[in-house]
Amino acid sequence: MFNYLNIQTRTEGYHSMGVRQSLKRLLKHEGLAGFYKGNGASVIRIIPYSSLYFMTYERYKCWMLDNYAIFGTGPLVDLLAGSAAGGTAILCTYPLDLARTILAHEVSSCMTYACPNYV
């Protein structure tokens, strides 16, 4: 919802409105369903991201424990494995995030010009 609202505030008609006014206008023009627009694309990105993150976290952690025993099993290994796993997951799922952003922008552009057939 807030990603969509963030994109909407950059379009004409929403430009100098605050969050409260933007939420009211969104509710008035699109109804309750307007708050959930684009949520499906976000879910499609989150599922592969989470899956990759947890899988690569375990792999990186095991690899570090096997090859760099000097670090032990403390928070440093968790930090390094988590950072590497997050970076790997972002690199693999960034195209999905980019597609979601482009779709949200196209939706807001279409709504700015009042497309009658938008669902």
PDB file of N, CA and C in Angstrom:
ATOM      1  N   MET A   1       0.821  -1.171   0.000  1.00  0.00           N
ATOM      2  CA  MET A   1       0.000   0.000   0.000  1.00  0.00           C
ATOM      3  C   MET A   1       0.877   1.250   0.000  1.00  0.00           C
ATOM      4  N   PHE A   2       1.877   1.287   0.853  1.00  0.00           N
ATOM      5  CA  PHE A   2       2.672   2.499   0.940  1.00  0.00           C
ATOM      6  C   PHE A   2       3.580   2.683  -0.276  1.00  0.00           C
ATOM      7  N   ASN A   3       4.026   1.555  -0.899  1.00  0.00           N
ATOM      8  CA  ASN A   3       4.774   1.695  -2.146  1.00  0.00           C
ATOM      9  C   ASN A   3       3.910   2.317  -3.207  1.00  0.00           C
ATOM     10  N   TYR A   4       2.671   1.839  -3.303  1.00  0.00           N
ATOM     11  CA  TYR A   4       1.737   2.370  -4.287  1.00  0.00           C
ATOM     12  C   TYR A   4       1.457   3.837  -3.990  1.00  0.00           C
ATOM     13  N   LEU A   5       1.227   4.162  -2.725  1.00  0.00           N
ATOM     14  CA  LEU A   5       0.963   5.544  -2.332  1.00  0.00           C
ATOM     15  C   LEU A   5       2.179   6.419  -2.608  1.00  0.00           C
ATOM     16  N   ASN A   6       3.375   5.896  -2.388  1.00  0.00           N
ATOM     17  CA  ASN A   6       4.599   6.631  -2.664  1.00  0.00           C
ATOM     18  C   ASN A   6       4.702   6.970  -4.148  1.00  0.00           C
ATOM     19  N   ILE A   7       4.354   6.033  -5.011  1.00  0.00           N
ATOM     20  CA  ILE A   7       4.388   6.287  -6.451  1.00  0.00           C
ATOM     21  C   ILE A   7       3.281   7.264  -6.827  1.00  0.00           C
ATOM     22  N   GLN A   8       2.116   7.123  -6.209  1.00  0.00           N
ATOM     23  CA  GLN A   8       1.004   8.021  -6.507  1.00  0.00           C
ATOM     24  C   GLN A   8       1.330   9.470  -6.161  1.00  0.00           C
ATOM     25  N   THR A   9       2.051   9.693  -5.068  1.00  0.00           N
ATOM     26  CA  THR A   9       2.349  11.062  -4.664  1.00  0.00           C
ATOM     27  C   THR A   9       3.288  11.761  -5.627  1.00  0.00           C
ATOM     28  N   ARG A  10       3.900  11.025  -6.524  1.00  0.00           N
ATOM     29  CA  ARG A  10       4.760  11.626  -7.526  1.00  0.00           C
ATOM     30  C   ARG A  10       4.003  11.963  -8.811  1.00  0.00           C
ATOM     31  N   THR A  11       2.718  11.640  -8.859  1.00  0.00           N
ATOM     32  CA  THR A  11       1.918  11.929 -10.041  1.00  0.00           C
ATOM     33  C   THR A  11       1.121  13.207  -9.831  1.00  0.00           C
ATOM     34  N   GLU A  12       0.603  13.706 -10.913  1.00  0.00           N
ATOM     35  CA  GLU A  12      -0.161  14.944 -10.874  1.00  0.00           C
ATOM     36  C   GLU A  12      -1.443  14.728 -10.077  1.00  0.00           C
ATOM     37  N   GLY A  13      -1.835  15.695  -9.289  1.00  0.00           N
ATOM     38  CA  GLY A  13      -3.043  15.576  -8.492  1.00  0.00           C
ATOM     39  C   GLY A  13      -2.770  15.144  -7.066  1.00  0.00           C
ATOM     40  N   TYR A  14      -1.700  14.452  -6.834  1.00  0.00           N
ATOM     41  CA  TYR A  14      -1.331  14.002  -5.491  1.00  0.00           C
ATOM     42  C   TYR A  14      -0.076  14.724  -5.014  1.00  0.00           C
ATOM     43  N   HIS A  15       0.481  15.562  -5.838  1.00  0.00           N
ATOM     44  CA  HIS A  15       1.842  16.048  -5.642  1.00  0.00           C
ATOM     45  C   HIS A  15       2.087  16.732  -4.296  1.00  0.00           C
ATOM     46  N   SER A  16       1.243  17.650  -3.890  1.00  0.00           N
ATOM     47  CA  SER A  16       1.546  18.398  -2.669  1.00  0.00           C
ATOM     48  C   SER A  16       0.631  17.999  -1.515  1.00  0.00           C
ATOM     49  N   MET A  17       0.113  16.789  -1.561  1.00  0.00           N
ATOM     50  CA  MET A  17      -0.766  16.321  -0.499  1.00  0.00           C
ATOM     51  C   MET A  17       0.034  15.574   0.563  1.00  0.00           C
ATOM     52  N   GLY A  18      -0.463  15.603   1.773  1.00  0.00           N
ATOM     53  CA  GLY A  18       0.151  14.830   2.836  1.00  0.00           C
ATOM     54  C   GLY A  18      -0.314  13.384   2.781  1.00  0.00           C
ATOM     55  N   VAL A  19       0.170  12.586   3.703  1.00  0.00           N
ATOM     56  CA  VAL A  19      -0.179  11.166   3.727  1.00  0.00           C
ATOM     57  C   VAL A  19      -1.672  10.995   3.987  1.00  0.00           C
ATOM     58  N   ARG A  20      -2.191  11.701   4.943  1.00  0.00           N
ATOM     59  CA  ARG A  20      -3.610  11.567   5.297  1.00  0.00           C
ATOM     60  C   ARG A  20      -4.510  11.931   4.123  1.00  0.00           C
ATOM     61  N   GLN A  21      -4.238  13.058   3.483  1.00  0.00           N
ATOM     62  CA  GLN A  21      -5.043  13.481   2.342  1.00  0.00           C
ATOM     63  C   GLN A  21      -4.902  12.504   1.177  1.00  0.00           C
ATOM     64  N   SER A  22      -3.709  11.992   0.964  1.00  0.00           N
ATOM     65  CA  SER A  22      -3.494  11.022  -0.112  1.00  0.00           C
ATOM     66  C   SER A  22      -4.271   9.737   0.146  1.00  0.00           C
ATOM     67  N   LEU A  23      -4.274   9.278   1.401  1.00  0.00           N
ATOM     68  CA  LEU A  23      -5.040   8.080   1.751  1.00  0.00           C
ATOM     69  C   LEU A  23      -6.529   8.304   1.545  1.00  0.00           C
ATOM     70  N   LYS A  24      -7.025   9.477   1.935  1.00  0.00           N
ATOM     71  CA  LYS A  24      -8.437   9.790   1.737  1.00  0.00           C
ATOM     72  C   LYS A  24      -8.792   9.834   0.252  1.00  0.00           C
ATOM     73  N   ARG A  25      -7.922  10.438  -0.535  1.00  0.00           N
ATOM     74  CA  ARG A  25      -8.187  10.532  -1.972  1.00  0.00           C
ATOM     75  C   ARG A  25      -8.129   9.154  -2.629  1.00  0.00           C
ATOM     76  N   LEU A  26      -7.183   8.336  -2.220  1.00  0.00           N
ATOM     77  CA  LEU A  26      -7.081   6.980  -2.742  1.00  0.00           C
ATOM     78  C   LEU A  26      -8.341   6.187  -2.410  1.00  0.00           C
ATOM     79  N   LEU A  27      -8.827   6.291  -1.192  1.00  0.00           N
ATOM     80  CA  LEU A  27     -10.045   5.599  -0.785  1.00  0.00           C
ATOM     81  C   LEU A  27     -11.243   6.097  -1.587  1.00  0.00           C
ATOM     82  N   LYS A  28     -11.313   7.387  -1.817  1.00  0.00           N
ATOM     83  CA  LYS A  28     -12.443   7.973  -2.551  1.00  0.00           C
ATOM     84  C   LYS A  28     -12.446   7.535  -4.015  1.00  0.00           C
ATOM     85  N   HIS A  29     -11.292   7.556  -4.663  1.00  0.00           N
ATOM     86  CA  HIS A  29     -11.228   7.277  -6.099  1.00  0.00           C
ATOM     87  C   HIS A  29     -11.156   5.792  -6.435  1.00  0.00           C
ATOM     88  N   GLU A  30     -10.568   4.968  -5.563  1.00  0.00           N
ATOM     89  CA  GLU A  30     -10.374   3.559  -5.898  1.00  0.00           C
ATOM     90  C   GLU A  30     -11.039   2.602  -4.933  1.00  0.00           C
ATOM     91  N   GLY A  31     -11.536   3.096  -3.838  1.00  0.00           N
ATOM     92  CA  GLY A  31     -12.186   2.228  -2.869  1.00  0.00           C
ATOM     93  C   GLY A  31     -11.168   1.469  -2.029  1.00  0.00           C
ATOM     94  N   LEU A  32     -11.678   0.546  -1.253  1.00  0.00           N
ATOM     95  CA  LEU A  32     -10.831  -0.225  -0.359  1.00  0.00           C
ATOM     96  C   LEU A  32      -9.833  -1.092  -1.117  1.00  0.00           C
ATOM     97  N   ALA A  33     -10.217  -1.581  -2.298  1.00  0.00           N
ATOM     98  CA  ALA A  33      -9.316  -2.422  -3.102  1.00  0.00           C
ATOM     99  C   ALA A  33      -8.078  -1.646  -3.555  1.00  0.00           C
ATOM    100  N   GLY A  34      -8.157  -0.346  -3.619  1.00  0.00           N
ATOM    101  CA  GLY A  34      -7.016   0.478  -4.024  1.00  0.00           C
ATOM    102  C   GLY A  34      -5.836   0.370  -3.077  1.00  0.00           C
ATOM    103  N   PHE A  35      -6.105   0.064  -1.813  1.00  0.00           N
ATOM    104  CA  PHE A  35      -5.016  -0.069  -0.846  1.00  0.00           C
ATOM    105  C   PHE A  35      -4.198  -1.339  -1.066  1.00  0.00           C
ATOM    106  N   TYR A  36      -4.774  -2.314  -1.751  1.00  0.00           N
ATOM    107  CA  TYR A  36      -4.096  -3.585  -1.967  1.00  0.00           C
ATOM    108  C   TYR A  36      -3.585  -3.755  -3.391  1.00  0.00           C
ATOM    109  N   LYS A  37      -3.703  -2.724  -4.199  1.00  0.00           N
ATOM    110  CA  LYS A  37      -3.257  -2.800  -5.576  1.00  0.00           C
ATOM    111  C   LYS A  37      -1.744  -3.003  -5.615  1.00  0.00           C
ATOM    112  N   GLY A  38      -1.293  -3.946  -6.391  1.00  0.00           N
ATOM    113  CA  GLY A  38       0.126  -4.248  -6.501  1.00  0.00           C
ATOM    114  C   GLY A  38       0.628  -5.217  -5.456  1.00  0.00           C
ATOM    115  N   ASN A  39      -0.242  -5.653  -4.560  1.00  0.00           N
ATOM    116  CA  ASN A  39       0.181  -6.582  -3.513  1.00  0.00           C
ATOM    117  C   ASN A  39       0.582  -7.933  -4.086  1.00  0.00           C
ATOM    118  N   GLY A  40      -0.104  -8.383  -5.126  1.00  0.00           N
ATOM    119  CA  GLY A  40       0.226  -9.671  -5.745  1.00  0.00           C
ATOM    120  C   GLY A  40       1.638  -9.697  -6.284  1.00  0.00           C
ATOM    121  N   ALA A  41       2.048  -8.602  -6.928  1.00  0.00           N
ATOM    122  CA  ALA A  41       3.412  -8.524  -7.458  1.00  0.00           C
ATOM    123  C   ALA A  41       4.435  -8.545  -6.325  1.00  0.00           C
ATOM    124  N   SER A  42       4.111  -7.939  -5.215  1.00  0.00           N
ATOM    125  CA  SER A  42       5.032  -7.959  -4.065  1.00  0.00           C
ATOM    126  C   SER A  42       5.176  -9.366  -3.506  1.00  0.00           C
ATOM    127  N   VAL A  43       4.074 -10.090  -3.427  1.00  0.00           N
ATOM    128  CA  VAL A  43       4.110 -11.463  -2.913  1.00  0.00           C
ATOM    129  C   VAL A  43       4.916 -12.357  -3.849  1.00  0.00           C
ATOM    130  N   ILE A  44       4.742 -12.143  -5.161  1.00  0.00           N
ATOM    131  CA  ILE A  44       5.483 -12.944  -6.134  1.00  0.00           C
ATOM    132  C   ILE A  44       6.984 -12.733  -5.974  1.00  0.00           C
ATOM    133  N   ARG A  45       7.404 -11.559  -5.531  1.00  0.00           N
ATOM    134  CA  ARG A  45       8.820 -11.293  -5.313  1.00  0.00           C
ATOM    135  C   ARG A  45       9.292 -11.819  -3.955  1.00  0.00           C
ATOM    136  N   ILE A  46       8.461 -11.726  -2.956  1.00  0.00           N
ATOM    137  CA  ILE A  46       8.869 -12.088  -1.594  1.00  0.00           C
ATOM    138  C   ILE A  46       9.103 -13.595  -1.451  1.00  0.00           C
ATOM    139  N   ILE A  47       8.290 -14.407  -2.089  1.00  0.00           N
ATOM    140  CA  ILE A  47       8.417 -15.859  -1.945  1.00  0.00           C
ATOM    141  C   ILE A  47       9.775 -16.354  -2.440  1.00  0.00           C
ATOM    142  N   PRO A  48      10.207 -16.003  -3.678  1.00  0.00           N
ATOM    143  CA  PRO A  48      11.545 -16.465  -4.094  1.00  0.00           C
ATOM    144  C   PRO A  48      12.668 -15.829  -3.273  1.00  0.00           C
ATOM    145  N   TYR A  49      12.485 -14.565  -2.869  1.00  0.00           N
ATOM    146  CA  TYR A  49      13.516 -13.905  -2.065  1.00  0.00           C
ATOM    147  C   TYR A  49      13.717 -14.652  -0.749  1.00  0.00           C
ATOM    148  N   SER A  50      12.633 -14.939  -0.050  1.00  0.00           N
ATOM    149  CA  SER A  50      12.734 -15.627   1.242  1.00  0.00           C
ATOM    150  C   SER A  50      13.316 -17.023   1.087  1.00  0.00           C
ATOM    151  N   SER A  51      12.874 -17.714   0.063  1.00  0.00           N
ATOM    152  CA  SER A  51      13.389 -19.066  -0.170  1.00  0.00           C
ATOM    153  C   SER A  51      14.886 -19.048  -0.427  1.00  0.00           C
ATOM    154  N   LEU A  52      15.313 -18.160  -1.304  1.00  0.00           N
ATOM    155  CA  LEU A  52      16.746 -18.059  -1.599  1.00  0.00           C
ATOM    156  C   LEU A  52      17.539 -17.615  -0.381  1.00  0.00           C
ATOM    157  N   TYR A  53      16.977 -16.680   0.373  1.00  0.00           N
ATOM    158  CA  TYR A  53      17.689 -16.175   1.545  1.00  0.00           C
ATOM    159  C   TYR A  53      17.959 -17.291   2.554  1.00  0.00           C
ATOM    160  N   PHE A  54      16.926 -18.036   2.915  1.00  0.00           N
ATOM    161  CA  PHE A  54      17.110 -19.080   3.926  1.00  0.00           C
ATOM    162  C   PHE A  54      18.009 -20.207   3.436  1.00  0.00           C
ATOM    163  N   MET A  55      17.868 -20.566   2.161  1.00  0.00           N
ATOM    164  CA  MET A  55      18.709 -21.635   1.624  1.00  0.00           C
ATOM    165  C   MET A  55      20.183 -21.201   1.590  1.00  0.00           C
ATOM    166  N   THR A  56      20.448 -20.014   1.054  1.00  0.00           N
ATOM    167  CA  THR A  56      21.838 -19.567   0.941  1.00  0.00           C
ATOM    168  C   THR A  56      22.432 -19.229   2.304  1.00  0.00           C
ATOM    169  N   TYR A  57      21.614 -18.791   3.259  1.00  0.00           N
ATOM    170  CA  TYR A  57      22.119 -18.521   4.605  1.00  0.00           C
ATOM    171  C   TYR A  57      22.703 -19.795   5.214  1.00  0.00           C
ATOM    172  N   GLU A  58      21.954 -20.872   5.115  1.00  0.00           N
ATOM    173  CA  GLU A  58      22.440 -22.137   5.664  1.00  0.00           C
ATOM    174  C   GLU A  58      23.685 -22.620   4.935  1.00  0.00           C
ATOM    175  N   ARG A  59      23.683 -22.461   3.611  1.00  0.00           N
ATOM    176  CA  ARG A  59      24.853 -22.899   2.824  1.00  0.00           C
ATOM    177  C   ARG A  59      26.088 -22.081   3.184  1.00  0.00           C
ATOM    178  N   TYR A  60      25.940 -20.746   3.234  1.00  0.00           N
ATOM    179  CA  TYR A  60      27.080 -19.887   3.577  1.00  0.00           C
ATOM    180  C   TYR A  60      27.575 -20.152   4.998  1.00  0.00           C
ATOM    181  N   LYS A  61      26.638 -20.361   5.914  1.00  0.00           N
ATOM    182  CA  LYS A  61      27.029 -20.609   7.304  1.00  0.00           C
ATOM    183  C   LYS A  61      27.813 -21.918   7.425  1.00  0.00           C
ATOM    184  N   CYS A  62      27.331 -22.974   6.771  1.00  0.00           N
ATOM    185  CA  CYS A  62      28.047 -24.255   6.801  1.00  0.00           C
ATOM    186  C   CYS A  62      29.414 -24.131   6.135  1.00  0.00           C
ATOM    187  N   TRP A  63      29.476 -23.423   5.027  1.00  0.00           N
ATOM    188  CA  TRP A  63      30.736 -23.227   4.314  1.00  0.00           C
ATOM    189  C   TRP A  63      31.739 -22.470   5.188  1.00  0.00           C
ATOM    190  N   MET A  64      31.274 -21.419   5.880  1.00  0.00           N
ATOM    191  CA  MET A  64      32.166 -20.642   6.743  1.00  0.00           C
ATOM    192  C   MET A  64      32.638 -21.474   7.933  1.00  0.00           C
ATOM    193  N   LEU A  65      31.750 -22.260   8.512  1.00  0.00           N
ATOM    194  CA  LEU A  65      32.137 -23.089   9.657  1.00  0.00           C
ATOM    195  C   LEU A  65      33.129 -24.173   9.251  1.00  0.00           C
ATOM    196  N   ASP A  66      32.982 -24.694   8.038  1.00  0.00           N
ATOM    197  CA  ASP A  66      33.906 -25.729   7.559  1.00  0.00           C
ATOM    198  C   ASP A  66      35.262 -25.155   7.172  1.00  0.00           C
ATOM    199  N   ASN A  67      35.273 -23.999   6.543  1.00  0.00           N
ATOM    200  CA  ASN A  67      36.516 -23.444   6.003  1.00  0.00           C
ATOM    201  C   ASN A  67      37.197 -22.410   6.898  1.00  0.00           C
ATOM    202  N   TYR A  68      36.456 -21.759   7.752  1.00  0.00           N
ATOM    203  CA  TYR A  68      37.021 -20.713   8.609  1.00  0.00           C
ATOM    204  C   TYR A  68      36.614 -20.954  10.055  1.00  0.00           C
ATOM    205  N   ALA A  69      37.090 -22.015  10.625  1.00  0.00           N
ATOM    206  CA  ALA A  69      36.744 -22.402  12.003  1.00  0.00           C
ATOM    207  C   ALA A  69      37.226 -21.378  13.021  1.00  0.00           C
ATOM    208  N   ILE A  70      38.132 -20.503  12.618  1.00  0.00           N
ATOM    209  CA  ILE A  70      38.659 -19.498  13.533  1.00  0.00           C
ATOM    210  C   ILE A  70      37.569 -18.530  14.004  1.00  0.00           C
ATOM    211  N   PHE A  71      36.525 -18.343  13.178  1.00  0.00           N
ATOM    212  CA  PHE A  71      35.437 -17.447  13.558  1.00  0.00           C
ATOM    213  C   PHE A  71      34.535 -18.060  14.621  1.00  0.00           C
ATOM    214  N   GLY A  72      34.540 -19.356  14.747  1.00  0.00           N
ATOM    215  CA  GLY A  72      33.682 -20.029  15.713  1.00  0.00           C
ATOM    216  C   GLY A  72      32.242 -20.047  15.240  1.00  0.00           C
ATOM    217  N   THR A  73      31.317 -20.169  16.183  1.00  0.00           N
ATOM    218  CA  THR A  73      29.900 -20.228  15.838  1.00  0.00           C
ATOM    219  C   THR A  73      29.143 -19.013  16.374  1.00  0.00           C
ATOM    220  N   GLY A  74      29.814 -17.942  16.628  1.00  0.00           N
ATOM    221  CA  GLY A  74      29.196 -16.774  17.234  1.00  0.00           C
ATOM    222  C   GLY A  74      28.444 -15.870  16.266  1.00  0.00           C
ATOM    223  N   PRO A  75      28.139 -14.690  16.722  1.00  0.00           N
ATOM    224  CA  PRO A  75      27.346 -13.754  15.928  1.00  0.00           C
ATOM    225  C   PRO A  75      28.065 -13.245  14.673  1.00  0.00           C
ATOM    226  N   LEU A  76      29.388 -13.286  14.647  1.00  0.00           N
ATOM    227  CA  LEU A  76      30.114 -12.832  13.464  1.00  0.00           C
ATOM    228  C   LEU A  76      29.812 -13.724  12.261  1.00  0.00           C
ATOM    229  N   VAL A  77      29.765 -15.039  12.485  1.00  0.00           N
ATOM    230  CA  VAL A  77      29.433 -15.969  11.400  1.00  0.00           C
ATOM    231  C   VAL A  77      28.000 -15.720  10.933  1.00  0.00           C
ATOM    232  N   ASP A  78      27.079 -15.505  11.886  1.00  0.00           N
ATOM    233  CA  ASP A  78      25.687 -15.212  11.522  1.00  0.00           C
ATOM    234  C   ASP A  78      25.579 -13.926  10.722  1.00  0.00           C
ATOM    235  N   LEU A  79      26.330 -12.911  11.124  1.00  0.00           N
ATOM    236  CA  LEU A  79      26.311 -11.625  10.415  1.00  0.00           C
ATOM    237  C   LEU A  79      26.847 -11.771   8.994  1.00  0.00           C
ATOM    238  N   LEU A  80      27.973 -12.432   8.858  1.00  0.00           N
ATOM    239  CA  LEU A  80      28.565 -12.592   7.529  1.00  0.00           C
ATOM    240  C   LEU A  80      27.713 -13.482   6.625  1.00  0.00           C
ATOM    241  N   ALA A  81      27.212 -14.576   7.160  1.00  0.00           N
ATOM    242  CA  ALA A  81      26.366 -15.473   6.369  1.00  0.00           C
ATOM    243  C   ALA A  81      25.054 -14.785   5.995  1.00  0.00           C
ATOM    244  N   GLY A  82      24.472 -14.033   6.907  1.00  0.00           N
ATOM    245  CA  GLY A  82      23.238 -13.305   6.625  1.00  0.00           C
ATOM    246  C   GLY A  82      23.433 -12.218   5.588  1.00  0.00           C
ATOM    247  N   SER A  83      24.556 -11.523   5.675  1.00  0.00           N
ATOM    248  CA  SER A  83      24.849 -10.483   4.682  1.00  0.00           C
ATOM    249  C   SER A  83      25.039 -11.073   3.298  1.00  0.00           C
ATOM    250  N   ALA A  84      25.793 -12.145   3.221  1.00  0.00           N
ATOM    251  CA  ALA A  84      26.024 -12.791   1.925  1.00  0.00           C
ATOM    252  C   ALA A  84      24.722 -13.375   1.380  1.00  0.00           C
ATOM    253  N   ALA A  85      23.903 -13.959   2.235  1.00  0.00           N
ATOM    254  CA  ALA A  85      22.634 -14.538   1.787  1.00  0.00           C
ATOM    255  C   ALA A  85      21.679 -13.451   1.311  1.00  0.00           C
ATOM    256  N   GLY A  86      21.620 -12.341   2.025  1.00  0.00           N
ATOM    257  CA  GLY A  86      20.768 -11.230   1.606  1.00  0.00           C
ATOM    258  C   GLY A  86      21.202 -10.664   0.269  1.00  0.00           C
ATOM    259  N   GLY A  87      22.507 -10.502   0.089  1.00  0.00           N
ATOM    260  CA  GLY A  87      23.017 -10.008  -1.186  1.00  0.00           C
ATOM    261  C   GLY A  87      22.718 -10.958  -2.330  1.00  0.00           C
ATOM    262  N   THR A  88      22.874 -12.234  -2.082  1.00  0.00           N
ATOM    263  CA  THR A  88      22.585 -13.237  -3.115  1.00  0.00           C
ATOM    264  C   THR A  88      21.104 -13.224  -3.479  1.00  0.00           C
ATOM    265  N   ALA A  89      20.237 -13.175  -2.475  1.00  0.00           N
ATOM    266  CA  ALA A  89      18.794 -13.176  -2.733  1.00  0.00           C
ATOM    267  C   ALA A  89      18.362 -11.918  -3.486  1.00  0.00           C
ATOM    268  N   ILE A  90      18.925 -10.773  -3.132  1.00  0.00           N
ATOM    269  CA  ILE A  90      18.586  -9.529  -3.834  1.00  0.00           C
ATOM    270  C   ILE A  90      19.049  -9.581  -5.280  1.00  0.00           C
ATOM    271  N   LEU A  91      20.265 -10.067  -5.504  1.00  0.00           N
ATOM    272  CA  LEU A  91      20.767 -10.158  -6.882  1.00  0.00           C
ATOM    273  C   LEU A  91      19.885 -11.051  -7.747  1.00  0.00           C
ATOM    274  N   CYS A  92      19.383 -12.121  -7.169  1.00  0.00           N
ATOM    275  CA  CYS A  92      18.561 -13.052  -7.956  1.00  0.00           C
ATOM    276  C   CYS A  92      17.130 -12.571  -8.152  1.00  0.00           C
ATOM    277  N   THR A  93      16.588 -11.809  -7.216  1.00  0.00           N
ATOM    278  CA  THR A  93      15.190 -11.395  -7.314  1.00  0.00           C
ATOM    279  C   THR A  93      15.017  -9.937  -7.711  1.00  0.00           C
ATOM    280  N   TYR A  94      16.087  -9.214  -7.961  1.00  0.00           N
ATOM    281  CA  TYR A  94      15.961  -7.810  -8.344  1.00  0.00           C
ATOM    282  C   TYR A  94      15.129  -7.600  -9.608  1.00  0.00           C
ATOM    283  N   PRO A  95      15.255  -8.460 -10.627  1.00  0.00           N
ATOM    284  CA  PRO A  95      14.394  -8.253 -11.803  1.00  0.00           C
ATOM    285  C   PRO A  95      12.904  -8.293 -11.462  1.00  0.00           C
ATOM    286  N   LEU A  96      12.502  -9.125 -10.504  1.00  0.00           N
ATOM    287  CA  LEU A  96      11.105  -9.160 -10.085  1.00  0.00           C
ATOM    288  C   LEU A  96      10.710  -7.869  -9.386  1.00  0.00           C
ATOM    289  N   ASP A  97      11.600  -7.320  -8.577  1.00  0.00           N
ATOM    290  CA  ASP A  97      11.330  -6.065  -7.902  1.00  0.00           C
ATOM    291  C   ASP A  97      11.235  -4.918  -8.909  1.00  0.00           C
ATOM    292  N   LEU A  98      12.110  -4.931  -9.891  1.00  0.00           N
ATOM    293  CA  LEU A  98      12.081  -3.911 -10.937  1.00  0.00           C
ATOM    294  C   LEU A  98      10.777  -4.000 -11.728  1.00  0.00           C
ATOM    295  N   ALA A  99      10.336  -5.209 -12.063  1.00  0.00           N
ATOM    296  CA  ALA A  99       9.072  -5.387 -12.789  1.00  0.00           C
ATOM    297  C   ALA A  99       7.900  -4.884 -11.953  1.00  0.00           C
ATOM    298  N   ARG A 100       7.923  -5.138 -10.640  1.00  0.00           N
ATOM    299  CA  ARG A 100       6.860  -4.667  -9.757  1.00  0.00           C
ATOM    300  C   ARG A 100       6.804  -3.148  -9.745  1.00  0.00           C
ATOM    301  N   THR A 101       7.954  -2.511  -9.679  1.00  0.00           N
ATOM    302  CA  THR A 101       8.006  -1.059  -9.669  1.00  0.00           C
ATOM    303  C   THR A 101       7.509  -0.481 -10.992  1.00  0.00           C
ATOM    304  N   ILE A 102       7.910  -1.086 -12.087  1.00  0.00           N
ATOM    305  CA  ILE A 102       7.469  -0.610 -13.400  1.00  0.00           C
ATOM    306  C   ILE A 102       5.963  -0.768 -13.540  1.00  0.00           C
ATOM    307  N   LEU A 103       5.419  -1.910 -13.098  1.00  0.00           N
ATOM    308  CA  LEU A 103       3.980  -2.117 -13.171  1.00  0.00           C
ATOM    309  C   LEU A 103       3.226  -1.106 -12.313  1.00  0.00           C
ATOM    310  N   ALA A 104       3.734  -0.833 -11.128  1.00  0.00           N
ATOM    311  CA  ALA A 104       3.073   0.142 -10.260  1.00  0.00           C
ATOM    312  C   ALA A 104       3.112   1.526 -10.879  1.00  0.00           C
ATOM    313  N   HIS A 105       4.207   1.869 -11.527  1.00  0.00           N
ATOM    314  CA  HIS A 105       4.305   3.177 -12.162  1.00  0.00           C
ATOM    315  C   HIS A 105       3.360   3.272 -13.348  1.00  0.00           C
ATOM    316  N   GLU A 106       3.252   2.194 -14.131  1.00  0.00           N
ATOM    317  CA  GLU A 106       2.333   2.202 -15.272  1.00  0.00           C
ATOM    318  C   GLU A 106       0.895   2.313 -14.808  1.00  0.00           C
ATOM    319  N   VAL A 107       0.570   1.664 -13.708  1.00  0.00           N
ATOM    320  CA  VAL A 107      -0.777   1.752 -13.161  1.00  0.00           C
ATOM    321  C   VAL A 107      -1.067   3.185 -12.749  1.00  0.00           C
ATOM    322  N   SER A 108      -0.120   3.836 -12.070  1.00  0.00           N
ATOM    323  CA  SER A 108      -0.361   5.202 -11.633  1.00  0.00           C
ATOM    324  C   SER A 108      -0.445   6.152 -12.806  1.00  0.00           C
ATOM    325  N   SER A 109       0.336   5.918 -13.874  1.00  0.00           N
ATOM    326  CA  SER A 109       0.261   6.760 -15.055  1.00  0.00           C
ATOM    327  C   SER A 109      -1.087   6.584 -15.739  1.00  0.00           C
ATOM    328  N   CYS A 110      -1.548   5.351 -15.799  1.00  0.00           N
ATOM    329  CA  CYS A 110      -2.838   5.064 -16.421  1.00  0.00           C
ATOM    330  C   CYS A 110      -3.955   5.732 -15.627  1.00  0.00           C
ATOM    331  N   MET A 111      -3.853   5.695 -14.307  1.00  0.00           N
ATOM    332  CA  MET A 111      -4.891   6.289 -13.476  1.00  0.00           C
ATOM    333  C   MET A 111      -4.855   7.798 -13.550  1.00  0.00           C
ATOM    334  N   THR A 112      -3.704   8.380 -13.754  1.00  0.00           N
ATOM    335  CA  THR A 112      -3.604   9.821 -13.869  1.00  0.00           C
ATOM    336  C   THR A 112      -4.400  10.302 -15.061  1.00  0.00           C
ATOM    337  N   TYR A 113      -4.405   9.545 -16.114  1.00  0.00           N
ATOM    338  CA  TYR A 113      -5.122   9.929 -17.325  1.00  0.00           C
ATOM    339  C   TYR A 113      -6.513   9.306 -17.382  1.00  0.00           C
ATOM    340  N   ALA A 114      -6.998   8.743 -16.271  1.00  0.00           N
ATOM    341  CA  ALA A 114      -8.335   8.204 -16.120  1.00  0.00           C
ATOM    342  C   ALA A 114      -8.657   7.140 -17.171  1.00  0.00           C
ATOM    343  N   CYS A 115      -7.928   6.059 -17.163  1.00  0.00           N
ATOM    344  CA  CYS A 115      -8.210   4.938 -18.069  1.00  0.00           C
ATOM    345  C   CYS A 115      -9.502   4.268 -17.595  1.00  0.00           C
ATOM    346  N   PRO A 116     -10.524   4.170 -18.431  1.00  0.00           N
ATOM    347  CA  PRO A 116     -11.806   3.636 -17.983  1.00  0.00           C
ATOM    348  C   PRO A 116     -11.826   2.127 -17.800  1.00  0.00           C
ATOM    349  N   ASN A 117     -10.971   1.379 -18.457  1.00  0.00           N
ATOM    350  CA  ASN A 117     -11.025  -0.086 -18.408  1.00  0.00           C
ATOM    351  C   ASN A 117     -10.052  -0.680 -17.416  1.00  0.00           C
ATOM    352  N   TYR A 118      -9.537   0.089 -16.490  1.00  0.00           N
ATOM    353  CA  TYR A 118      -8.568  -0.426 -15.529  1.00  0.00           C
ATOM    354  C   TYR A 118      -9.269  -1.234 -14.459  1.00  0.00           C
ATOM    355  N   VAL A 119      -8.752  -2.438 -14.185  1.00  0.00           N
ATOM    356  CA  VAL A 119      -9.312  -3.277 -13.126  1.00  0.00           C
ATOM    357  C   VAL A 119      -8.253  -3.472 -12.066  1.00  0.00           C
TER     358      VAL A 119
END
